[in-house]
Amino acid sequence: MSYPSRDEILASSKGWVASFLNFLPGLGSGYLYQRRWKPYCFTITAITAWFALGIFLQGDSEPSQKEQIIGISGLLFISIVTVLEANLAFKKASNKTKAEKDKIIFHEKKGWFK
């Protein structure tokens, strides 16, 4: 029994589900769906750093509406980047696995004596 490769696991997932999960909560949940741990950790680190920067710059005062919009737009930017990256990684893995399957089928001998 052979275990599936990293690309096969990634290609077996649905690209739109991973993109949707990365966008809607904006926390990189699509990476968990795709079983991609490093990008998930990077996303969580980026979100935590964004919140920490906002809290540090805010100080003791209440954030203005402009600062709130900047904070939300930063989170939106992070989620859009993760959506694009997850979709590109899915397409790359699915193309790679398709090419490998085509190569295996092409090299398979056909005829009377295999």
Protein backbone atom coordinates (compact mmCIF):
# COMPACT_ATOMS: atom_id res chain seq x y z
CA MET A 1 0.00 0.00 0.00
CA SER A 2 1.45 3.32 -1.01
CA TYR A 3 0.57 6.56 0.66
CA PRO A 4 -0.58 9.50 -1.46
CA SER A 5 1.95 12.20 -2.09
CA ARG A 6 1.55 15.78 -0.91
CA ASP A 7 0.48 16.87 -4.39
CA GLU A 8 -2.07 14.07 -4.66
CA ILE A 9 -3.64 15.07 -1.35
CA LEU A 10 -3.74 18.71 -2.41
CA ALA A 11 -5.18 17.85 -5.84
CA SER A 12 -7.87 15.66 -4.30
CA SER A 13 -9.26 18.62 -2.37
CA LYS A 14 -11.65 21.07 -3.97
CA GLY A 15 -10.04 24.39 -4.83
CA TRP A 16 -13.19 26.44 -4.36
CA VAL A 17 -13.79 24.99 -0.87
CA ALA A 18 -10.28 25.91 0.23
CA SER A 19 -10.65 29.39 -1.24
CA PHE A 20 -14.04 29.89 0.44
CA LEU A 21 -12.71 28.71 3.80
CA ASN A 22 -9.75 31.06 3.51
CA PHE A 23 -11.95 34.03 2.65
CA LEU A 24 -15.00 33.72 4.86
CA PRO A 25 -13.46 33.44 8.31
CA GLY A 26 -10.21 34.95 7.04
CA LEU A 27 -8.14 32.78 9.36
CA GLY A 28 -6.60 30.38 6.85
CA SER A 29 -9.07 27.56 7.49
CA GLY A 30 -8.72 26.47 3.86
CA TYR A 31 -5.14 25.51 4.59
CA LEU A 32 -6.38 23.09 7.23
CA TYR A 33 -8.74 21.62 4.65
CA GLN A 34 -5.83 21.22 2.21
CA ARG A 35 -3.55 19.85 4.96
CA ARG A 36 -1.00 22.59 4.42
CA TRP A 37 0.38 23.41 7.84
CA LYS A 38 3.15 25.92 7.04
CA PRO A 39 0.92 28.39 5.14
CA TYR A 40 -1.64 28.06 7.93
CA CYS A 41 0.98 28.94 10.56
CA PHE A 42 2.17 31.89 8.47
CA THR A 43 -1.42 33.14 8.12
CA ILE A 44 -2.10 32.87 11.85
CA THR A 45 1.19 34.66 12.55
CA ALA A 46 0.31 37.46 10.12
CA ILE A 47 -3.16 37.91 11.64
CA THR A 48 -1.76 37.91 15.18
CA ALA A 49 0.90 40.44 14.19
CA TRP A 50 -1.77 42.64 12.55
CA PHE A 51 -3.89 42.61 15.71
CA ALA A 52 -0.85 43.23 17.95
CA LEU A 53 0.23 46.15 15.77
CA GLY A 54 -3.26 47.63 15.96
CA ILE A 55 -3.39 47.29 19.74
CA PHE A 56 0.12 48.74 20.10
CA LEU A 57 -0.61 51.73 17.87
CA GLN A 58 -4.01 52.33 19.45
CA GLY A 59 -2.69 52.66 22.98
CA ASP A 60 -5.31 53.49 25.58
CA SER A 61 -7.55 55.50 23.28
CA GLU A 62 -10.59 54.19 21.47
CA PRO A 63 -9.96 53.56 17.75
CA SER A 64 -11.46 56.04 15.33
CA GLN A 65 -13.59 54.93 12.42
CA LYS A 66 -10.65 55.42 10.06
CA GLU A 67 -8.48 53.14 12.20
CA GLN A 68 -11.23 50.52 12.30
CA ILE A 69 -11.49 50.58 8.51
CA ILE A 70 -7.71 50.21 8.22
CA GLY A 71 -7.81 47.21 10.56
CA ILE A 72 -10.62 45.50 8.69
CA SER A 73 -9.06 46.22 5.31
CA GLY A 74 -5.80 44.65 6.50
CA LEU A 75 -7.63 41.48 7.48
CA LEU A 76 -9.46 41.53 4.14
CA PHE A 77 -6.11 41.87 2.34
CA ILE A 78 -4.69 38.88 4.23
CA SER A 79 -7.74 36.76 3.40
CA ILE A 80 -7.63 37.71 -0.31
CA VAL A 81 -3.94 36.81 -0.52
CA THR A 82 -4.62 33.43 1.09
CA VAL A 83 -7.54 32.79 -1.28
CA LEU A 84 -5.36 33.42 -4.32
CA GLU A 85 -2.45 31.40 -2.97
CA ALA A 86 -4.62 28.40 -2.05
CA ASN A 87 -6.27 28.41 -5.47
CA LEU A 88 -2.93 28.64 -7.30
CA ALA A 89 -1.44 25.83 -5.20
CA PHE A 90 -4.47 23.64 -5.96
CA LYS A 91 -4.19 24.28 -9.71
CA LYS A 92 -0.44 23.62 -9.69
CA ALA A 93 -0.86 20.34 -7.80
CA SER A 94 -3.74 19.15 -9.95
CA ASN A 95 -1.81 19.92 -13.16
CA LYS A 96 1.23 18.10 -11.79
CA THR A 97 -0.70 14.99 -10.81
CA LYS A 98 -2.55 14.99 -14.14
CA ALA A 99 0.77 15.18 -16.00
CA GLU A 100 2.16 12.30 -13.93
CA LYS A 101 -0.91 10.17 -14.64
CA ASP A 102 -0.68 10.96 -18.35
CA LYS A 103 3.00 10.02 -18.33
CA ILE A 104 2.24 6.68 -16.67
CA ILE A 105 -0.50 5.91 -19.16
CA PHE A 106 1.70 6.95 -22.11
CA HIS A 107 4.59 4.70 -21.04
CA GLU A 108 2.35 1.69 -20.48
CA LYS A 109 3.14 -0.95 -23.08
CA LYS A 110 0.34 -2.13 -25.27
CA GLY A 111 0.29 -5.17 -27.41
CA TRP A 112 0.23 -8.93 -27.20
CA PHE A 113 3.18 -9.35 -24.86
CA LYS A 114 3.33 -6.93 -21.98
